[in-house]
Amino acid sequence: MTPEQQLTQLTAGTAKVLSEKELLEKLKLGRPLRIKLGVDPTAPDIHFGHTVALEKLRQFQLLGHQAVLLIGDFTATIGDPSGRSATRPPLTRDEVLKNAATYTEQAFKILDREKTEIVYNGDWFRKMSYEEILRLNSRVTLQQMLQREDFRNRIDAGQEVRLHELQYPVMQGWDSVEIRADVELGGTDQLFNILVGRDMQKDEGQPQQVVMVMPLLEGLDGVKKMSKSYGNYIGVSDPPQEMYGKLMSVSDELMDRYYLLLLGETRDPATHPMESKKSLSQSLTARYHGQAEGDAARADWDTRFSKKDLTAADLPEIAIADLPLNTTVLSLSSFAFKTSFGLEKSNGELRKQFITSGSVQLNGEKQTDPTSLITPSPGDTLKLSKKHAVRFV
C-alpha cells in the first residue's frame, strides 16, 4: 500500500488521531514504525473489548510495522487510575506475572508472535534510583495532573487520590521514551497518559509519537461498555459454541461496529444481515479457536436454530441438581440465561420479550406463564430465544 492507502486503513474505526498529518509523514519515512501498546495484566483473561486496540496493532503489523507489546509488570502493581472512582487494590509482582502469561497467550491469537517485540517496563523502572525518579517527576506539574477528569472528579467528591496514582501517567510517558515509540495505541481513557509520553519524548530530543486512541466497545446489550461486571462480555477464552452464540445475539445496529473494530473490515451492505452476522460470528470464533471450530460452531448453530433440531445440537448443559427449589418458568429462564450465557435479564424483560411471546419452550412446548412451576428431566431442552437454548442433565 502507498502511505496514503495505509493512512486510510489505519485511521478507520479510531476515536482520535493526533495527528493524521504526523502519521502520514511517518508512514512516508519508508521504514517500519514502532507501534506501542501497553497492557497491565491485572486479570488473567481478556474479553473482546480488550482486543480493539490489539486488532489495530495487528493492522500495523500486517502492513510491515513493528508491533511492540509492553507488559506493565511494574505499573500493574500500582494500577491504572484511568476512569476509576477509587484506588485500585495493589497486586504483587508474582500475581502480575501469572496474569501476564495467560494474557499474552490470548493476545497472540490476534498478533503474530514471531513478529511481536515484548518488553517489560520493570526492566527500567526497577533500576531507577530515587534521584532519577524525582528528576522524572519534575517534568510534570500538579496542575497538569489535576486536569485529568477522573482525578478532579474524585477530589470534588471528597474521595481520596493517592500520590502513587499520580505517578502512573509519568511512568506510561517514560515507557514511550524507552521504547522510542512512533505511535502509541490505547483506549479513549488513555489520551492524557499518551500525551504525557509525547511531552517526554520531546524533552529527550526524540520525535514525538502519534496518538491513536480507540473507542470503547459496547457489550452485548448495545449500551454499556463491554465488561465482566456488567455481564455483557464475550471472553476470548469462551468455548466456541458459546462465543458464536453470544455474537449471534448482537443487534444489527451494533454488527457494523463489531466488523470494523474486531475484524478491521467493513460489512458488505449487499449481504443479508443474518448472513453477515453468521459470517462475523464464524470469523471471530475461528480467529480464537481455529477454522475447524469456527465452522463447527456455525454448523451447530444452524442445526439448533435454522433447522430447529435441538435434540441433535451441542447445547450448554445445566445440571438439574444445580437448579433452585420450586423453579418457575421465570426463575428458570433467568437462571439459564445467566449461568449458560452470562446474560443478566430483568424479570420484566423476561416476561415481555421471552415468556409471554412464546420464545421460551420446553421440548418444543411453549411456556407462556411466568409463574408456572416447571420441573425439567434429564435430556430435556429449554429454548430461551432464537439464539439461546440449553439441555438439562
Protein backbone atom coordinates (compact mmCIF):
# COMPACT_ATOMS: atom_id res chain seq x y z
CA MET A 1 0.00 0.00 0.00
CA THR A 2 1.02 3.61 -0.51
CA PRO A 3 1.39 5.72 2.66
CA GLU A 4 -1.94 7.37 1.82
CA GLN A 5 -3.68 3.98 1.50
CA GLN A 6 -2.15 2.83 4.77
CA LEU A 7 -3.39 6.00 6.47
CA THR A 8 -6.94 5.36 5.30
CA GLN A 9 -6.93 1.80 6.65
CA LEU A 10 -5.17 2.59 9.92
CA THR A 11 -7.35 5.52 10.89
CA ALA A 12 -10.61 3.63 10.20
CA GLY A 13 -12.52 2.98 13.41
CA THR A 14 -10.33 5.22 15.58
CA ALA A 15 -11.77 7.71 18.06
CA LYS A 16 -8.96 10.25 17.71
CA VAL A 17 -5.60 10.53 15.93
CA LEU A 18 -3.14 13.29 16.83
CA SER A 19 -2.43 13.87 14.15
CA GLU A 20 -3.21 12.22 10.81
CA LYS A 21 -0.73 14.61 9.16
CA GLU A 22 2.05 13.45 11.50
CA LEU A 23 1.15 9.81 10.92
CA LEU A 24 1.29 10.27 7.14
CA GLU A 25 4.71 11.90 7.45
CA LYS A 26 5.96 8.95 9.49
CA LEU A 27 4.49 6.44 7.00
CA LYS A 28 6.41 8.23 4.23
CA LEU A 29 9.73 7.59 6.00
CA GLY A 30 9.89 4.21 4.29
CA ARG A 31 10.85 2.25 7.42
CA PRO A 32 8.85 0.07 9.81
CA LEU A 33 7.32 2.27 12.51
CA ARG A 34 7.46 1.22 16.16
CA ILE A 35 3.87 0.84 17.37
CA LYS A 36 3.45 0.70 21.15
CA LEU A 37 0.55 -0.88 23.01
CA GLY A 38 0.91 -1.06 26.76
CA VAL A 39 -1.15 -3.54 28.78
CA ASP A 40 -1.36 -4.02 32.52
CA PRO A 41 -2.23 -7.68 33.20
CA THR A 42 -4.42 -7.02 36.25
CA ALA A 43 -6.59 -10.06 35.36
CA PRO A 44 -5.79 -13.42 33.72
CA ASP A 45 -8.36 -13.24 30.91
CA ILE A 46 -9.30 -10.70 28.28
CA HIS A 47 -12.60 -10.06 26.52
CA PHE A 48 -13.41 -8.63 23.10
CA GLY A 49 -13.37 -5.09 24.46
CA HIS A 50 -9.65 -5.51 25.19
CA THR A 51 -8.99 -6.75 21.66
CA VAL A 52 -9.97 -3.50 19.90
CA ALA A 53 -6.50 -1.99 20.38
CA LEU A 54 -4.88 -5.39 19.69
CA GLU A 55 -6.72 -5.56 16.36
CA LYS A 56 -5.41 -2.12 15.39
CA LEU A 57 -1.89 -3.22 16.39
CA ARG A 58 -2.37 -6.26 14.16
CA GLN A 59 -3.26 -3.99 11.22
CA PHE A 60 0.02 -2.13 11.66
CA GLN A 61 1.82 -5.47 11.89
CA LEU A 62 0.28 -6.77 8.66
CA LEU A 63 1.48 -3.61 6.91
CA GLY A 64 5.06 -4.40 7.92
CA HIS A 65 5.41 -2.21 11.01
CA GLN A 66 6.96 -3.31 14.31
CA ALA A 67 4.42 -4.21 16.99
CA VAL A 68 5.74 -3.54 20.49
CA LEU A 69 3.62 -5.09 23.24
CA LEU A 70 4.61 -3.55 26.54
CA ILE A 71 3.75 -5.61 29.61
CA GLY A 72 3.31 -3.32 32.57
CA ASP A 73 4.75 -5.67 35.17
CA PHE A 74 5.77 -2.59 37.19
CA THR A 75 2.82 -0.27 36.51
CA ALA A 76 0.29 -3.07 37.10
CA THR A 77 1.40 -3.26 40.73
CA ILE A 78 0.21 0.36 41.05
CA GLY A 79 -2.89 0.09 38.86
CA ASP A 80 -4.01 2.46 36.14
CA PRO A 81 -6.30 5.10 37.72
CA SER A 82 -7.91 5.98 34.37
CA GLY A 83 -11.68 6.12 34.71
CA ARG A 84 -11.55 4.80 38.27
CA SER A 85 -13.66 6.22 41.10
CA ALA A 86 -11.41 4.63 43.73
CA THR A 87 -7.82 3.48 44.16
CA ARG A 88 -7.15 0.06 42.64
CA PRO A 89 -6.22 -2.70 45.10
CA PRO A 90 -2.48 -3.42 44.78
CA LEU A 91 -1.19 -6.58 43.10
CA THR A 92 2.04 -8.42 43.84
CA ARG A 93 4.56 -8.88 41.05
CA ASP A 94 4.00 -12.65 41.17
CA GLU A 95 0.26 -12.10 40.58
CA VAL A 96 1.01 -9.76 37.69
CA LEU A 97 3.44 -12.17 36.01
CA LYS A 98 0.97 -15.05 36.39
CA ASN A 99 -1.73 -12.95 34.73
CA ALA A 100 0.71 -11.85 32.02
CA ALA A 101 1.30 -15.46 30.97
CA THR A 102 -2.36 -16.09 30.06
CA TYR A 103 -2.94 -12.53 28.86
CA THR A 104 -0.16 -12.69 26.27
CA GLU A 105 -1.15 -16.20 25.21
CA GLN A 106 -4.62 -14.89 24.37
CA ALA A 107 -3.18 -11.76 22.71
CA PHE A 108 -1.18 -13.97 20.35
CA LYS A 109 -4.42 -15.32 18.95
CA ILE A 110 -4.52 -11.92 17.24
CA LEU A 111 -0.88 -10.88 16.88
CA ASP A 112 1.92 -12.71 15.08
CA ARG A 113 4.06 -13.95 17.96
CA GLU A 114 7.21 -14.17 15.83
CA LYS A 115 6.89 -10.55 14.72
CA THR A 116 5.95 -9.02 18.07
CA GLU A 117 8.53 -7.40 20.34
CA ILE A 118 7.63 -7.92 24.01
CA VAL A 119 9.09 -5.62 26.66
CA TYR A 120 8.53 -5.27 30.41
CA ASN A 121 8.66 -1.81 31.98
CA GLY A 122 10.02 -3.27 35.19
CA ASP A 123 13.29 -3.70 33.27
CA TRP A 124 13.95 0.04 33.54
CA PHE A 125 11.84 1.22 36.48
CA ARG A 126 13.36 -1.28 38.93
CA LYS A 127 16.83 0.05 38.07
CA MET A 128 15.98 3.69 38.75
CA SER A 129 17.39 5.46 41.80
CA TYR A 130 15.18 7.73 43.88
CA GLU A 131 17.11 10.69 42.47
CA GLU A 132 16.19 9.63 38.93
CA ILE A 133 12.54 9.25 39.91
CA LEU A 134 12.50 12.77 41.38
CA ARG A 135 14.07 14.15 38.20
CA LEU A 136 11.38 12.37 36.16
CA ASN A 137 8.61 13.83 38.32
CA SER A 138 9.96 17.34 37.92
CA ARG A 139 8.87 17.29 34.27
CA VAL A 140 5.17 17.22 35.15
CA THR A 141 3.23 19.76 37.22
CA LEU A 142 0.49 19.08 39.75
CA GLN A 143 -1.74 21.43 37.73
CA GLN A 144 -1.32 19.14 34.71
CA MET A 145 -2.31 16.10 36.74
CA LEU A 146 -5.38 17.83 38.14
CA GLN A 147 -6.57 18.44 34.59
CA ARG A 148 -7.39 14.75 34.47
CA GLU A 149 -11.13 14.42 34.78
CA ASP A 150 -11.05 11.28 36.92
CA PHE A 151 -8.68 12.83 39.49
CA ARG A 152 -10.65 16.07 39.57
CA ASN A 153 -13.98 14.26 39.97
CA ARG A 154 -12.67 12.17 42.87
CA ILE A 155 -11.31 15.24 44.66
CA ASP A 156 -14.55 17.17 44.13
CA ALA A 157 -16.50 14.20 45.52
CA GLY A 158 -14.30 14.08 48.62
CA GLN A 159 -12.71 10.77 47.55
CA GLU A 160 -9.02 10.18 48.10
CA VAL A 161 -6.39 10.23 45.35
CA ARG A 162 -3.21 8.51 46.47
CA LEU A 163 0.11 10.10 45.49
CA HIS A 164 1.33 6.91 43.82
CA GLU A 165 -1.59 7.18 41.36
CA LEU A 166 -0.19 10.49 40.12
CA GLN A 167 2.92 8.57 39.09
CA TYR A 168 1.08 6.44 36.57
CA PRO A 169 0.92 8.92 33.65
CA VAL A 170 4.57 9.82 34.29
CA MET A 171 5.61 6.17 34.04
CA GLN A 172 3.49 5.47 30.97
CA GLY A 173 5.04 8.51 29.33
CA TRP A 174 8.56 7.35 30.13
CA ASP A 175 7.76 3.94 28.63
CA SER A 176 7.39 5.68 25.26
CA VAL A 177 10.86 7.21 25.65
CA GLU A 178 12.41 3.82 26.45
CA ILE A 179 10.64 2.16 23.52
CA ARG A 180 11.20 5.10 21.12
CA ALA A 181 7.60 4.70 20.01
CA ASP A 182 6.45 6.23 16.73
CA VAL A 183 2.78 5.57 17.53
CA GLU A 184 1.05 4.70 20.79
CA LEU A 185 -2.32 2.92 20.86
CA GLY A 186 -4.82 2.99 23.68
CA GLY A 187 -8.45 3.48 24.64
CA THR A 188 -10.08 6.90 24.84
CA ASP A 189 -9.42 6.87 28.58
CA GLN A 190 -5.67 6.77 27.83
CA LEU A 191 -5.49 10.10 25.96
CA PHE A 192 -3.96 12.08 28.84
CA ASN A 193 -1.28 9.46 29.53
CA ILE A 194 -0.27 9.18 25.87
CA LEU A 195 0.05 12.95 25.57
CA VAL A 196 2.44 12.91 28.55
CA GLY A 197 4.54 10.48 26.50
CA ARG A 198 4.71 12.99 23.64
CA ASP A 199 5.96 15.68 26.01
CA MET A 200 8.63 13.43 27.49
CA GLN A 201 9.86 12.34 24.08
CA LYS A 202 10.18 16.00 23.07
CA ASP A 203 12.20 16.74 26.23
CA GLU A 204 14.52 13.84 25.33
CA GLY A 205 15.02 15.11 21.78
CA GLN A 206 13.04 12.22 20.24
CA PRO A 207 10.41 12.53 17.50
CA GLN A 208 7.02 12.70 19.21
CA GLN A 209 4.74 9.68 18.98
CA VAL A 210 1.43 9.86 17.16
CA VAL A 211 -1.54 9.45 19.50
CA MET A 212 -4.09 6.89 18.30
CA VAL A 213 -6.96 6.16 20.68
CA MET A 214 -9.65 3.60 20.04
CA PRO A 215 -13.30 3.78 21.09
CA LEU A 216 -14.61 1.67 23.95
CA LEU A 217 -16.58 -1.31 22.62
CA GLU A 218 -20.22 -1.66 23.61
CA GLY A 219 -21.19 -5.01 25.09
CA LEU A 220 -23.95 -7.41 24.08
CA ASP A 221 -26.60 -5.06 25.48
CA GLY A 222 -25.53 -2.44 22.93
CA VAL A 223 -25.46 0.29 25.59
CA LYS A 224 -22.79 -0.12 28.27
CA LYS A 225 -19.13 -0.72 27.54
CA MET A 226 -18.17 -4.38 27.46
CA SER A 227 -17.32 -5.51 30.97
CA LYS A 228 -17.44 -8.67 33.05
CA SER A 229 -19.06 -6.70 35.85
CA TYR A 230 -21.96 -5.81 33.53
CA GLY A 231 -22.35 -9.39 32.31
CA ASN A 232 -22.36 -8.21 28.67
CA TYR A 233 -18.96 -9.52 27.60
CA ILE A 234 -17.58 -12.12 25.19
CA GLY A 235 -14.43 -13.71 26.57
CA VAL A 236 -11.53 -14.58 24.28
CA SER A 237 -11.37 -17.94 26.07
CA ASP A 238 -15.13 -18.64 25.85
CA PRO A 239 -15.89 -22.07 24.30
CA PRO A 240 -16.53 -21.94 20.51
CA GLN A 241 -20.29 -22.59 20.61
CA GLU A 242 -20.77 -20.10 23.44
CA MET A 243 -18.71 -17.45 21.65
CA TYR A 244 -20.61 -17.96 18.41
CA GLY A 245 -23.97 -17.84 20.18
CA LYS A 246 -23.13 -14.63 22.03
CA LEU A 247 -22.07 -12.98 18.78
CA MET A 248 -25.32 -14.02 17.12
CA SER A 249 -27.19 -12.10 19.85
CA VAL A 250 -25.55 -8.83 18.80
CA SER A 251 -28.04 -6.33 17.33
CA ASP A 252 -27.96 -5.49 13.63
CA GLU A 253 -27.08 -1.89 14.56
CA LEU A 254 -24.04 -3.00 16.57
CA MET A 255 -22.90 -5.55 13.98
CA ASP A 256 -21.24 -2.95 11.72
CA ARG A 257 -19.22 -1.64 14.67
CA TYR A 258 -18.07 -5.16 15.59
CA TYR A 259 -16.99 -5.76 11.98
CA LEU A 260 -14.90 -2.60 12.00
CA LEU A 261 -13.39 -2.75 15.48
CA LEU A 262 -12.94 -6.51 15.90
CA LEU A 263 -12.15 -7.62 12.35
CA GLY A 264 -10.93 -4.38 10.79
CA GLU A 265 -13.39 -4.89 7.95
CA THR A 266 -16.44 -3.16 6.56
CA ARG A 267 -19.62 -5.21 6.25
CA ASP A 268 -20.92 -5.67 2.72
CA PRO A 269 -24.30 -3.87 2.72
CA ALA A 270 -25.49 -6.06 -0.17
CA THR A 271 -25.33 -9.17 2.04
CA HIS A 272 -28.42 -10.13 4.06
CA PRO A 273 -27.99 -9.07 7.73
CA MET A 274 -28.45 -12.64 9.01
CA GLU A 275 -25.75 -13.96 6.69
CA SER A 276 -23.48 -11.07 7.69
CA LYS A 277 -23.96 -11.90 11.36
CA LYS A 278 -23.21 -15.58 10.79
CA SER A 279 -20.07 -14.62 8.89
CA LEU A 280 -18.98 -12.26 11.66
CA SER A 281 -19.59 -14.91 14.32
CA GLN A 282 -17.81 -17.60 12.34
CA SER A 283 -14.77 -15.39 11.56
CA LEU A 284 -14.27 -14.30 15.16
CA THR A 285 -14.78 -17.81 16.55
CA ALA A 286 -12.25 -19.10 14.01
CA ARG A 287 -9.77 -16.40 14.99
CA TYR A 288 -9.69 -17.55 18.62
CA HIS A 289 -10.31 -21.29 18.20
CA GLY A 290 -9.20 -22.18 14.67
CA GLN A 291 -11.10 -22.52 11.40
CA ALA A 292 -12.42 -26.01 12.12
CA GLU A 293 -14.02 -24.87 15.40
CA GLY A 294 -15.46 -21.80 13.70
CA ASP A 295 -17.04 -23.94 11.00
CA ALA A 296 -18.35 -26.42 13.58
CA ALA A 297 -19.88 -23.65 15.70
CA ARG A 298 -21.75 -22.32 12.69
CA ALA A 299 -22.96 -25.78 11.72
CA ASP A 300 -24.13 -26.39 15.29
CA TRP A 301 -25.98 -23.08 15.37
CA ASP A 302 -27.69 -23.90 12.08
CA THR A 303 -28.71 -27.29 13.48
CA ARG A 304 -30.17 -25.73 16.61
CA PHE A 305 -31.91 -22.72 15.18
CA SER A 306 -32.08 -22.77 11.39
CA LYS A 307 -33.12 -26.43 11.24
CA LYS A 308 -34.91 -26.37 14.61
CA ASP A 309 -33.30 -29.69 15.65
CA LEU A 310 -32.35 -29.16 19.30
CA THR A 311 -32.11 -32.87 20.11
CA ALA A 312 -29.06 -33.28 17.86
CA ALA A 313 -27.42 -29.97 18.81
CA ASP A 314 -24.43 -29.48 21.10
CA LEU A 315 -26.07 -27.30 23.76
CA PRO A 316 -24.79 -25.81 27.01
CA GLU A 317 -25.75 -28.16 29.83
CA ILE A 318 -27.37 -27.39 33.17
CA ALA A 319 -27.30 -29.94 35.98
CA ILE A 320 -30.78 -30.44 37.42
CA ALA A 321 -29.16 -30.72 40.83
CA ASP A 322 -27.98 -27.11 40.49
CA LEU A 323 -31.47 -25.71 39.96
CA PRO A 324 -33.09 -23.72 42.77
CA LEU A 325 -36.10 -25.23 44.57
CA ASN A 326 -39.64 -24.52 43.36
CA THR A 327 -38.45 -23.38 39.95
CA THR A 328 -40.86 -21.27 37.91
CA VAL A 329 -40.67 -20.56 34.20
CA LEU A 330 -39.42 -17.07 35.10
CA SER A 331 -36.73 -18.13 37.56
CA LEU A 332 -35.55 -20.99 35.34
CA SER A 333 -35.23 -18.70 32.33
CA SER A 334 -33.27 -16.17 34.35
CA PHE A 335 -31.01 -18.92 35.76
CA ALA A 336 -30.35 -20.40 32.29
CA PHE A 337 -29.53 -17.06 30.66
CA LYS A 338 -27.11 -16.12 33.43
CA THR A 339 -25.31 -19.42 34.04
CA SER A 340 -25.06 -20.62 30.43
CA PHE A 341 -24.64 -17.36 28.50
CA GLY A 342 -23.51 -14.79 31.05
CA LEU A 343 -26.54 -12.61 30.30
CA GLU A 344 -28.39 -10.71 33.02
CA LYS A 345 -32.08 -10.36 32.13
CA SER A 346 -34.55 -8.38 34.23
CA ASN A 347 -37.82 -10.05 35.23
CA GLY A 348 -39.76 -7.53 33.17
CA GLU A 349 -37.64 -8.20 30.09
CA LEU A 350 -38.01 -11.97 30.52
CA ARG A 351 -41.79 -11.76 30.87
CA LYS A 352 -42.40 -9.42 27.95
CA GLN A 353 -39.77 -10.41 25.39
CA PHE A 354 -39.31 -14.11 26.01
CA ILE A 355 -42.02 -15.84 28.03
CA THR A 356 -45.39 -14.32 27.10
CA SER A 357 -44.21 -14.00 23.49
CA GLY A 358 -43.77 -17.80 23.31
CA SER A 359 -40.00 -17.84 22.87
CA VAL A 360 -39.41 -19.99 25.97
CA GLN A 361 -40.17 -23.61 25.10
CA LEU A 362 -39.55 -26.85 26.98
CA ASN A 363 -39.11 -29.67 24.45
CA GLY A 364 -40.91 -27.54 21.87
CA GLU A 365 -43.88 -26.71 24.14
CA LYS A 366 -44.37 -23.00 24.80
CA GLN A 367 -44.17 -21.87 28.43
CA THR A 368 -46.14 -18.61 28.48
CA ASP A 369 -46.99 -18.39 32.21
CA PRO A 370 -44.04 -16.87 34.12
CA THR A 371 -45.33 -18.11 37.50
CA SER A 372 -45.95 -21.69 36.43
CA LEU A 373 -43.83 -24.30 38.25
CA ILE A 374 -41.56 -26.27 35.92
CA THR A 375 -39.57 -29.45 36.59
CA PRO A 376 -37.15 -30.42 33.79
CA SER A 377 -35.99 -34.01 33.37
CA PRO A 378 -32.61 -35.25 32.14
CA GLY A 379 -32.35 -34.80 28.38
CA ASP A 380 -34.99 -32.05 28.20
CA THR A 381 -34.15 -28.99 26.13
CA LEU A 382 -35.19 -25.46 27.03
CA LYS A 383 -35.29 -22.95 24.20
CA LEU A 384 -34.95 -19.41 25.52
CA SER A 385 -34.85 -17.41 22.29
CA LYS A 386 -33.98 -17.79 18.64
CA LYS A 387 -30.32 -17.87 19.61
CA HIS A 388 -30.18 -19.45 23.06
CA ALA A 389 -31.06 -22.96 24.25
CA VAL A 390 -29.84 -25.35 26.96
CA ARG A 391 -30.06 -29.05 27.78
CA PHE A 392 -30.69 -30.46 31.27
CA VAL A 393 -28.56 -33.30 32.63
